[in-house]
Amino acid sequence: MGVVTELWRYPVKSMLGERLDEAVIDKDGVAGDRSFALIDAQTGKICSAKRHDLWGRLFSFRATLVEPGVARIVFPDGSQHTTDEPHLASLITAELGREVTLAQIPPEGAVLEEVWDDVKGEQMYGPATGEKAGGQTVIDVTTSLAAPGDFFDLAAIHFITTNTLAEFSRLEPDSRFDARRFRPNILIEVDDEEGFVENDWRVVHIGDLELRTLMPVPRCVMTTLPQDDLPKDSNVLRSAARHNMQDTGVIGTMPCAGIYAAVASGGTIRVGDTVSATRG
């Protein structure tokens, strides 16, 4: 049906990640993915660029895995530090202007905040905090389908097709629907098909890896934020709302792009590997 064209890992939650030639994947996702997160010292909540007014600058940092349990972080000025440095959190605090700590295990009962864009509709999947950001409501997000004790929002694996990105580009030619905006683990290209082709996939095989679809990926303001050479573009999220509203089951009908999946059988996959899928 298709081929793997890109593989990605994001060792620190909400920082930019690293492109891989191969990835080892088990029930906990890509090895080293979302191994770390920053915690807001003031609130105890996980720092996420979903709360872009506080943490959008995390997209100016990039993290790569050095070895299991250690990541290298490139700061906006190009300086580099590793997560085993004792004063790393204070350096990030100075850069962000708000005190954070670095964690490998989420605090018990931890939540993150999201700026709820009105284009997503009125059915919020978390309670309002009473705060506003850019005139939009801020909510607490606690729902997770992934294993307790990790930093994934909803699932350990996220894939999207180049076909979906091409369909958005066809419908909204003034915006750049670059895969980096959507932060997938696996980017797949399917020949001779158009549209949001992965929406009806149920089981995906890539070599020994078997993925079971959990739900379409509900998109948020993170897709609109500037990163590298990509400018801020609020139309990216609005496009998903206009053209690909999907029933997620768990949190209602949302603007979506890509698929969250659970790992039924792990394996090592590589760029260029063949992908097959069953539909339902």
C-alpha atoms as a PDB file:
ATOM      1  CA  MET A   1       0.000   0.000   0.000  1.00  0.00           C
ATOM      2  CA  GLY A   2       2.747   2.474   0.830  1.00  0.00           C
ATOM      3  CA  VAL A   3       6.244   3.207   2.101  1.00  0.00           C
ATOM      4  CA  VAL A   4       7.786   4.828   5.187  1.00  0.00           C
ATOM      5  CA  THR A   5       9.276   8.170   4.111  1.00  0.00           C
ATOM      6  CA  GLU A   6      10.213   9.715   7.492  1.00  0.00           C
ATOM      7  CA  LEU A   7      10.689   8.604  11.105  1.00  0.00           C
ATOM      8  CA  TRP A   8      10.738  10.999  14.073  1.00  0.00           C
ATOM      9  CA  ARG A   9      11.448  10.985  17.802  1.00  0.00           C
ATOM     10  CA  TYR A  10      10.863  13.784  20.331  1.00  0.00           C
ATOM     11  CA  PRO A  11      12.935  13.056  23.454  1.00  0.00           C
ATOM     12  CA  VAL A  12      11.649  16.117  25.365  1.00  0.00           C
ATOM     13  CA  LYS A  13       7.944  16.860  25.279  1.00  0.00           C
ATOM     14  CA  SER A  14       7.058  19.936  23.186  1.00  0.00           C
ATOM     15  CA  MET A  15      10.605  20.538  21.994  1.00  0.00           C
ATOM     16  CA  LEU A  16      11.566  19.918  18.381  1.00  0.00           C
ATOM     17  CA  GLY A  17      12.765  16.396  17.746  1.00  0.00           C
ATOM     18  CA  GLU A  18      15.086  14.369  15.567  1.00  0.00           C
ATOM     19  CA  ARG A  19      14.643  12.646  12.237  1.00  0.00           C
ATOM     20  CA  LEU A  20      15.731   8.996  12.237  1.00  0.00           C
ATOM     21  CA  ASP A  21      16.789   6.441   9.637  1.00  0.00           C
ATOM     22  CA  GLU A  22      15.390   3.607  11.752  1.00  0.00           C
ATOM     23  CA  ALA A  23      13.299   3.297  14.883  1.00  0.00           C
ATOM     24  CA  VAL A  24      12.875   0.581  17.496  1.00  0.00           C
ATOM     25  CA  ILE A  25       9.213   0.489  18.504  1.00  0.00           C
ATOM     26  CA  ASP A  26       7.498  -1.435  21.295  1.00  0.00           C
ATOM     27  CA  LYS A  27       4.322  -0.977  23.333  1.00  0.00           C
ATOM     28  CA  ASP A  28       5.802   2.207  24.809  1.00  0.00           C
ATOM     29  CA  GLY A  29       6.354   3.728  21.376  1.00  0.00           C
ATOM     30  CA  VAL A  30       9.584   4.753  19.677  1.00  0.00           C
ATOM     31  CA  ALA A  31      12.525   4.063  21.998  1.00  0.00           C
ATOM     32  CA  GLY A  32      13.387   7.331  23.750  1.00  0.00           C
ATOM     33  CA  ASP A  33      10.306   9.227  22.594  1.00  0.00           C
ATOM     34  CA  ARG A  34       8.911  11.708  25.145  1.00  0.00           C
ATOM     35  CA  SER A  35      11.423  10.462  27.731  1.00  0.00           C
ATOM     36  CA  PHE A  36      11.494  13.856  29.432  1.00  0.00           C
ATOM     37  CA  ALA A  37       9.201  16.788  30.101  1.00  0.00           C
ATOM     38  CA  LEU A  38       9.431  20.117  31.844  1.00  0.00           C
ATOM     39  CA  ILE A  39       7.219  20.747  34.855  1.00  0.00           C
ATOM     40  CA  ASP A  40       5.922  24.212  35.697  1.00  0.00           C
ATOM     41  CA  ALA A  41       7.290  24.907  39.181  1.00  0.00           C
ATOM     42  CA  GLN A  42       4.425  27.314  39.876  1.00  0.00           C
ATOM     43  CA  THR A  43       1.517  25.003  39.044  1.00  0.00           C
ATOM     44  CA  GLY A  44       2.993  21.484  38.989  1.00  0.00           C
ATOM     45  CA  LYS A  45       1.551  20.973  35.499  1.00  0.00           C
ATOM     46  CA  ILE A  46       3.407  19.485  32.534  1.00  0.00           C
ATOM     47  CA  CYS A  47       4.753  22.189  30.225  1.00  0.00           C
ATOM     48  CA  SER A  48       3.223  21.862  26.761  1.00  0.00           C
ATOM     49  CA  ALA A  49       3.245  24.151  23.743  1.00  0.00           C
ATOM     50  CA  LYS A  50      -0.512  23.578  23.676  1.00  0.00           C
ATOM     51  CA  ARG A  51      -0.377  26.462  26.179  1.00  0.00           C
ATOM     52  CA  HIS A  52       1.480  28.552  23.618  1.00  0.00           C
ATOM     53  CA  ASP A  53       1.434  31.830  25.540  1.00  0.00           C
ATOM     54  CA  LEU A  54       3.571  30.241  28.281  1.00  0.00           C
ATOM     55  CA  TRP A  55       5.439  27.470  26.487  1.00  0.00           C
ATOM     56  CA  GLY A  56       5.357  28.192  22.754  1.00  0.00           C
ATOM     57  CA  ARG A  57       9.078  29.032  22.898  1.00  0.00           C
ATOM     58  CA  LEU A  58       9.807  25.368  23.564  1.00  0.00           C
ATOM     59  CA  PHE A  59       9.670  25.074  19.769  1.00  0.00           C
ATOM     60  CA  SER A  60      12.929  27.033  19.665  1.00  0.00           C
ATOM     61  CA  PHE A  61      14.703  24.173  21.496  1.00  0.00           C
ATOM     62  CA  ARG A  62      15.644  20.868  19.859  1.00  0.00           C
ATOM     63  CA  ALA A  63      16.247  17.557  21.627  1.00  0.00           C
ATOM     64  CA  THR A  64      18.071  14.448  20.426  1.00  0.00           C
ATOM     65  CA  LEU A  65      18.731  11.195  22.240  1.00  0.00           C
ATOM     66  CA  VAL A  66      22.381  10.617  23.159  1.00  0.00           C
ATOM     67  CA  GLU A  67      21.892   7.264  24.870  1.00  0.00           C
ATOM     68  CA  PRO A  68      19.042   5.622  26.799  1.00  0.00           C
ATOM     69  CA  GLY A  69      18.041   8.031  29.551  1.00  0.00           C
ATOM     70  CA  VAL A  70      20.120  10.977  28.294  1.00  0.00           C
ATOM     71  CA  ALA A  71      19.077  13.626  25.752  1.00  0.00           C
ATOM     72  CA  ARG A  72      20.991  16.545  24.278  1.00  0.00           C
ATOM     73  CA  ILE A  73      19.145  19.871  24.118  1.00  0.00           C
ATOM     74  CA  VAL A  74      20.149  22.575  21.656  1.00  0.00           C
ATOM     75  CA  PHE A  75      19.157  26.004  22.990  1.00  0.00           C
ATOM     76  CA  PRO A  76      17.911  28.862  20.795  1.00  0.00           C
ATOM     77  CA  ASP A  77      21.392  30.420  20.793  1.00  0.00           C
ATOM     78  CA  GLY A  78      22.934  27.161  19.570  1.00  0.00           C
ATOM     79  CA  SER A  79      24.483  26.149  22.890  1.00  0.00           C
ATOM     80  CA  GLN A  80      24.106  22.487  23.863  1.00  0.00           C
ATOM     81  CA  HIS A  81      23.447  20.802  27.183  1.00  0.00           C
ATOM     82  CA  THR A  82      22.504  17.276  28.234  1.00  0.00           C
ATOM     83  CA  THR A  83      19.755  16.180  30.567  1.00  0.00           C
ATOM     84  CA  ASP A  84      22.229  14.724  33.061  1.00  0.00           C
ATOM     85  CA  GLU A  85      23.676  18.182  33.784  1.00  0.00           C
ATOM     86  CA  PRO A  86      22.605  19.215  37.321  1.00  0.00           C
ATOM     87  CA  HIS A  87      21.861  22.838  36.421  1.00  0.00           C
ATOM     88  CA  LEU A  88      19.997  22.238  33.161  1.00  0.00           C
ATOM     89  CA  ALA A  89      16.588  23.215  34.558  1.00  0.00           C
ATOM     90  CA  SER A  90      17.926  26.559  35.777  1.00  0.00           C
ATOM     91  CA  LEU A  91      19.361  27.272  32.318  1.00  0.00           C
ATOM     92  CA  ILE A  92      16.011  26.516  30.671  1.00  0.00           C
ATOM     93  CA  THR A  93      14.264  28.611  33.334  1.00  0.00           C
ATOM     94  CA  ALA A  94      16.475  31.586  32.482  1.00  0.00           C
ATOM     95  CA  GLU A  95      15.677  31.153  28.781  1.00  0.00           C
ATOM     96  CA  LEU A  96      11.910  30.836  29.272  1.00  0.00           C
ATOM     97  CA  GLY A  97      11.522  33.393  32.055  1.00  0.00           C
ATOM     98  CA  ARG A  98       9.425  31.000  34.135  1.00  0.00           C
ATOM     99  CA  GLU A  99      10.708  28.414  36.593  1.00  0.00           C
ATOM    100  CA  VAL A 100      10.659  24.798  35.429  1.00  0.00           C
ATOM    101  CA  THR A 101      12.028  21.472  36.572  1.00  0.00           C
ATOM    102  CA  LEU A 102      13.027  18.527  34.389  1.00  0.00           C
ATOM    103  CA  ALA A 103      11.265  15.206  34.918  1.00  0.00           C
ATOM    104  CA  GLN A 104      11.451  11.661  33.565  1.00  0.00           C
ATOM    105  CA  ILE A 105       8.354  10.543  35.461  1.00  0.00           C
ATOM    106  CA  PRO A 106       5.151  12.621  35.514  1.00  0.00           C
ATOM    107  CA  PRO A 107       4.023  13.863  38.933  1.00  0.00           C
ATOM    108  CA  GLU A 108       1.073  11.901  40.261  1.00  0.00           C
ATOM    109  CA  GLY A 109      -2.154  13.336  38.876  1.00  0.00           C
ATOM    110  CA  ALA A 110      -0.266  15.661  36.537  1.00  0.00           C
ATOM    111  CA  VAL A 111      -2.162  17.532  33.831  1.00  0.00           C
ATOM    112  CA  LEU A 112      -1.225  19.924  31.070  1.00  0.00           C
ATOM    113  CA  GLU A 113      -2.975  23.010  29.804  1.00  0.00           C
ATOM    114  CA  GLU A 114      -4.276  23.741  26.313  1.00  0.00           C
ATOM    115  CA  VAL A 115      -5.425  26.976  24.730  1.00  0.00           C
ATOM    116  CA  TRP A 116      -8.791  25.974  23.292  1.00  0.00           C
ATOM    117  CA  ASP A 117      -9.147  27.456  19.836  1.00  0.00           C
ATOM    118  CA  ASP A 118     -12.760  28.298  19.043  1.00  0.00           C
ATOM    119  CA  VAL A 119     -12.556  26.537  15.660  1.00  0.00           C
ATOM    120  CA  LYS A 120     -12.508  23.222  17.541  1.00  0.00           C
ATOM    121  CA  GLY A 121     -16.101  23.801  18.653  1.00  0.00           C
ATOM    122  CA  GLU A 122     -17.780  24.012  22.027  1.00  0.00           C
ATOM    123  CA  GLN A 123     -17.176  20.441  23.241  1.00  0.00           C
ATOM    124  CA  MET A 124     -14.041  20.918  25.319  1.00  0.00           C
ATOM    125  CA  TYR A 125     -12.237  17.791  26.526  1.00  0.00           C
ATOM    126  CA  GLY A 126     -11.164  19.343  29.796  1.00  0.00           C
ATOM    127  CA  PRO A 127     -12.401  21.827  32.391  1.00  0.00           C
ATOM    128  CA  ALA A 128     -11.713  25.527  31.937  1.00  0.00           C
ATOM    129  CA  THR A 129      -9.020  26.882  34.254  1.00  0.00           C
ATOM    130  CA  GLY A 130     -10.507  30.374  34.412  1.00  0.00           C
ATOM    131  CA  GLU A 131      -7.550  31.813  32.484  1.00  0.00           C
ATOM    132  CA  LYS A 132      -7.499  33.251  28.982  1.00  0.00           C
ATOM    133  CA  ALA A 133      -4.715  33.325  26.400  1.00  0.00           C
ATOM    134  CA  GLY A 134      -5.113  35.569  23.387  1.00  0.00           C
ATOM    135  CA  GLY A 135      -8.810  35.793  24.159  1.00  0.00           C
ATOM    136  CA  GLN A 136      -9.186  32.004  24.095  1.00  0.00           C
ATOM    137  CA  THR A 137     -10.151  29.735  26.986  1.00  0.00           C
ATOM    138  CA  VAL A 138      -7.433  27.715  28.716  1.00  0.00           C
ATOM    139  CA  ILE A 139      -8.411  24.173  29.740  1.00  0.00           C
ATOM    140  CA  ASP A 140      -6.825  21.395  31.773  1.00  0.00           C
ATOM    141  CA  VAL A 141      -6.164  18.196  29.789  1.00  0.00           C
ATOM    142  CA  THR A 142      -6.003  14.922  31.696  1.00  0.00           C
ATOM    143  CA  THR A 143      -7.273  12.263  29.264  1.00  0.00           C
ATOM    144  CA  SER A 144      -4.712   9.627  28.234  1.00  0.00           C
ATOM    145  CA  LEU A 145      -5.049   6.308  26.426  1.00  0.00           C
ATOM    146  CA  ALA A 146      -1.336   5.621  26.839  1.00  0.00           C
ATOM    147  CA  ALA A 147       0.209   3.806  29.787  1.00  0.00           C
ATOM    148  CA  PRO A 148       0.220   5.610  33.142  1.00  0.00           C
ATOM    149  CA  GLY A 149       3.488   7.292  33.948  1.00  0.00           C
ATOM    150  CA  ASP A 150       4.449   8.499  30.476  1.00  0.00           C
ATOM    151  CA  PHE A 151       4.365  11.906  28.795  1.00  0.00           C
ATOM    152  CA  PHE A 152       2.184  11.058  25.787  1.00  0.00           C
ATOM    153  CA  ASP A 153      -1.046  12.987  25.417  1.00  0.00           C
ATOM    154  CA  LEU A 154      -3.216  10.142  24.140  1.00  0.00           C
ATOM    155  CA  ALA A 155      -1.160   7.341  22.590  1.00  0.00           C
ATOM    156  CA  ALA A 156       2.416   6.211  22.117  1.00  0.00           C
ATOM    157  CA  ILE A 157       2.438   6.172  18.290  1.00  0.00           C
ATOM    158  CA  HIS A 158       1.208   8.754  15.810  1.00  0.00           C
ATOM    159  CA  PHE A 159       1.390   8.307  12.035  1.00  0.00           C
ATOM    160  CA  ILE A 160       0.203  10.427   9.136  1.00  0.00           C
ATOM    161  CA  THR A 161       0.369  10.098   5.353  1.00  0.00           C
ATOM    162  CA  THR A 162       1.853  12.434   2.788  1.00  0.00           C
ATOM    163  CA  ASN A 163      -1.503  12.024   1.049  1.00  0.00           C
ATOM    164  CA  THR A 164      -3.279  13.820   3.895  1.00  0.00           C
ATOM    165  CA  LEU A 165      -0.737  16.656   3.780  1.00  0.00           C
ATOM    166  CA  ALA A 166      -1.163  16.872  -0.004  1.00  0.00           C
ATOM    167  CA  GLU A 167      -4.946  16.977   0.340  1.00  0.00           C
ATOM    168  CA  PHE A 168      -4.741  19.872   2.787  1.00  0.00           C
ATOM    169  CA  SER A 169      -2.320  21.634   0.430  1.00  0.00           C
ATOM    170  CA  ARG A 170      -4.721  21.159  -2.487  1.00  0.00           C
ATOM    171  CA  LEU A 171      -7.634  22.545  -0.487  1.00  0.00           C
ATOM    172  CA  GLU A 172      -5.659  25.362   1.175  1.00  0.00           C
ATOM    173  CA  PRO A 173      -2.803  26.310  -1.180  1.00  0.00           C
ATOM    174  CA  ASP A 174      -1.769  29.397   0.787  1.00  0.00           C
ATOM    175  CA  SER A 175      -0.574  27.352   3.798  1.00  0.00           C
ATOM    176  CA  ARG A 176       2.394  24.977   4.169  1.00  0.00           C
ATOM    177  CA  PHE A 177       1.262  21.596   5.456  1.00  0.00           C
ATOM    178  CA  ASP A 178       4.689  20.343   6.400  1.00  0.00           C
ATOM    179  CA  ALA A 179       4.856  17.084   8.371  1.00  0.00           C
ATOM    180  CA  ARG A 180       6.868  18.859  11.071  1.00  0.00           C
ATOM    181  CA  ARG A 181       3.788  20.837  12.106  1.00  0.00           C
ATOM    182  CA  PHE A 182       2.004  17.585  13.005  1.00  0.00           C
ATOM    183  CA  ARG A 183       4.856  15.904  14.922  1.00  0.00           C
ATOM    184  CA  PRO A 184       4.279  12.309  13.750  1.00  0.00           C
ATOM    185  CA  ASN A 185       6.490   9.351  14.573  1.00  0.00           C
ATOM    186  CA  ILE A 186       5.914   7.796  11.138  1.00  0.00           C
ATOM    187  CA  LEU A 187       5.246   9.539   7.827  1.00  0.00           C
ATOM    188  CA  ILE A 188       3.842   7.213   5.148  1.00  0.00           C
ATOM    189  CA  GLU A 189       3.420   7.771   1.410  1.00  0.00           C
ATOM    190  CA  VAL A 190       0.682   5.849  -0.379  1.00  0.00           C
ATOM    191  CA  ASP A 191       0.802   5.544  -4.159  1.00  0.00           C
ATOM    192  CA  ASP A 192      -2.142   6.279  -6.448  1.00  0.00           C
ATOM    193  CA  GLU A 193      -4.539   7.459  -3.715  1.00  0.00           C
ATOM    194  CA  GLU A 194      -5.791  10.912  -2.809  1.00  0.00           C
ATOM    195  CA  GLY A 195      -7.440  12.386   0.247  1.00  0.00           C
ATOM    196  CA  PHE A 196      -7.259  11.564   3.949  1.00  0.00           C
ATOM    197  CA  VAL A 197      -6.440   7.949   3.181  1.00  0.00           C
ATOM    198  CA  GLU A 198      -5.523   6.771   6.695  1.00  0.00           C
ATOM    199  CA  ASN A 199      -8.896   7.722   8.186  1.00  0.00           C
ATOM    200  CA  ASP A 200     -10.322   4.246   7.596  1.00  0.00           C
ATOM    201  CA  TRP A 201      -7.215   2.176   8.359  1.00  0.00           C
ATOM    202  CA  ARG A 202      -7.611  -0.310  11.201  1.00  0.00           C
ATOM    203  CA  VAL A 203      -4.427  -2.441  11.300  1.00  0.00           C
ATOM    204  CA  VAL A 204      -1.053  -1.376   9.888  1.00  0.00           C
ATOM    205  CA  HIS A 205       1.949  -3.634   9.247  1.00  0.00           C
ATOM    206  CA  ILE A 206       5.514  -2.445   8.681  1.00  0.00           C
ATOM    207  CA  GLY A 207       7.813  -5.472   8.792  1.00  0.00           C
ATOM    208  CA  ASP A 208       7.311  -7.112  12.209  1.00  0.00           C
ATOM    209  CA  LEU A 209       5.589  -4.004  13.565  1.00  0.00           C
ATOM    210  CA  GLU A 210       1.826  -4.219  13.918  1.00  0.00           C
ATOM    211  CA  LEU A 211      -0.186  -1.117  14.829  1.00  0.00           C
ATOM    212  CA  ARG A 212      -3.841  -1.015  15.831  1.00  0.00           C
ATOM    213  CA  THR A 213      -5.740   2.199  15.221  1.00  0.00           C
ATOM    214  CA  LEU A 214      -7.050   3.893  18.349  1.00  0.00           C
ATOM    215  CA  MET A 215      -8.475   7.161  17.040  1.00  0.00           C
ATOM    216  CA  PRO A 216      -7.883  10.024  14.619  1.00  0.00           C
ATOM    217  CA  VAL A 217      -5.454  12.589  16.030  1.00  0.00           C
ATOM    218  CA  PRO A 218      -7.306  15.687  17.287  1.00  0.00           C
ATOM    219  CA  ARG A 219      -5.282  18.729  16.301  1.00  0.00           C
ATOM    220  CA  CYS A 220      -4.490  21.750  18.457  1.00  0.00           C
ATOM    221  CA  VAL A 221      -2.797  25.125  18.317  1.00  0.00           C
ATOM    222  CA  MET A 222       0.656  23.471  18.197  1.00  0.00           C
ATOM    223  CA  THR A 223       0.164  22.881  14.456  1.00  0.00           C
ATOM    224  CA  THR A 224       0.020  26.659  13.939  1.00  0.00           C
ATOM    225  CA  LEU A 225       3.180  27.680  15.817  1.00  0.00           C
ATOM    226  CA  PRO A 226       6.389  28.836  14.110  1.00  0.00           C
ATOM    227  CA  GLN A 227       9.321  26.415  14.035  1.00  0.00           C
ATOM    228  CA  ASP A 228      12.526  26.398  12.011  1.00  0.00           C
ATOM    229  CA  ASP A 229      11.560  27.907   8.634  1.00  0.00           C
ATOM    230  CA  LEU A 230       7.805  27.426   9.145  1.00  0.00           C
ATOM    231  CA  PRO A 231       5.913  30.626  10.028  1.00  0.00           C
ATOM    232  CA  LYS A 232       3.021  30.985  12.432  1.00  0.00           C
ATOM    233  CA  ASP A 233      -0.131  30.006  10.513  1.00  0.00           C
ATOM    234  CA  SER A 234      -3.502  29.799  12.253  1.00  0.00           C
ATOM    235  CA  ASN A 235      -5.033  28.528   9.021  1.00  0.00           C
ATOM    236  CA  VAL A 236      -3.454  25.086   9.541  1.00  0.00           C
ATOM    237  CA  LEU A 237      -5.807  24.250  12.413  1.00  0.00           C
ATOM    238  CA  ARG A 238      -8.750  25.966  10.738  1.00  0.00           C
ATOM    239  CA  SER A 239      -8.163  23.826   7.643  1.00  0.00           C
ATOM    240  CA  ALA A 240      -8.476  20.642   9.693  1.00  0.00           C
ATOM    241  CA  ALA A 241     -11.715  22.016  11.133  1.00  0.00           C
ATOM    242  CA  ARG A 242     -13.069  22.828   7.679  1.00  0.00           C
ATOM    243  CA  HIS A 243     -12.063  19.649   5.883  1.00  0.00           C
ATOM    244  CA  ASN A 244     -11.421  16.755   8.275  1.00  0.00           C
ATOM    245  CA  MET A 245     -13.704  16.729  11.289  1.00  0.00           C
ATOM    246  CA  GLN A 246     -13.627  13.170  12.654  1.00  0.00           C
ATOM    247  CA  ASP A 247     -15.356  11.287  15.449  1.00  0.00           C
ATOM    248  CA  THR A 248     -12.573  10.386  17.884  1.00  0.00           C
ATOM    249  CA  GLY A 249     -14.940   8.370  20.059  1.00  0.00           C
ATOM    250  CA  VAL A 250     -13.177   9.299  23.280  1.00  0.00           C
ATOM    251  CA  ILE A 251     -13.366  13.082  23.111  1.00  0.00           C
ATOM    252  CA  GLY A 252     -16.019  13.691  20.489  1.00  0.00           C
ATOM    253  CA  THR A 253     -15.824  15.128  16.981  1.00  0.00           C
ATOM    254  CA  MET A 254     -12.666  17.155  16.430  1.00  0.00           C
ATOM    255  CA  PRO A 255     -10.543  18.629  13.615  1.00  0.00           C
ATOM    256  CA  CYS A 256      -8.122  15.797  12.892  1.00  0.00           C
ATOM    257  CA  ALA A 257      -5.092  14.792  10.847  1.00  0.00           C
ATOM    258  CA  GLY A 258      -3.307  11.469  11.187  1.00  0.00           C
ATOM    259  CA  ILE A 259      -3.909   8.478  13.440  1.00  0.00           C
ATOM    260  CA  TYR A 260      -3.064   7.510  17.018  1.00  0.00           C
ATOM    261  CA  ALA A 261      -2.187   3.828  17.301  1.00  0.00           C
ATOM    262  CA  ALA A 262      -1.313   1.170  19.847  1.00  0.00           C
ATOM    263  CA  VAL A 263       1.529  -1.269  19.277  1.00  0.00           C
ATOM    264  CA  ALA A 264       0.215  -4.827  19.004  1.00  0.00           C
ATOM    265  CA  SER A 265       3.590  -6.266  18.013  1.00  0.00           C
ATOM    266  CA  GLY A 266       6.883  -4.384  18.180  1.00  0.00           C
ATOM    267  CA  GLY A 267       9.778  -4.257  15.755  1.00  0.00           C
ATOM    268  CA  THR A 268      12.489  -2.180  14.146  1.00  0.00           C
ATOM    269  CA  ILE A 269      11.400  -0.194  11.107  1.00  0.00           C
ATOM    270  CA  ARG A 270      13.373   1.859   8.607  1.00  0.00           C
ATOM    271  CA  VAL A 271      12.816   4.580   6.080  1.00  0.00           C
ATOM    272  CA  GLY A 272      11.891   2.854   2.828  1.00  0.00           C
ATOM    273  CA  ASP A 273      10.056  -0.040   4.481  1.00  0.00           C
ATOM    274  CA  THR A 274       6.827  -1.208   2.867  1.00  0.00           C
ATOM    275  CA  VAL A 275       3.563  -0.443   4.653  1.00  0.00           C
ATOM    276  CA  SER A 276       0.335  -2.429   4.364  1.00  0.00           C
ATOM    277  CA  ALA A 277      -2.984  -1.689   6.013  1.00  0.00           C
ATOM    278  CA  THR A 278      -6.408  -3.226   6.407  1.00  0.00           C
ATOM    279  CA  ARG A 279      -9.404  -0.946   6.212  1.00  0.00           C
ATOM    280  CA  GLY A 280     -12.590  -0.962   8.193  1.00  0.00           C
END
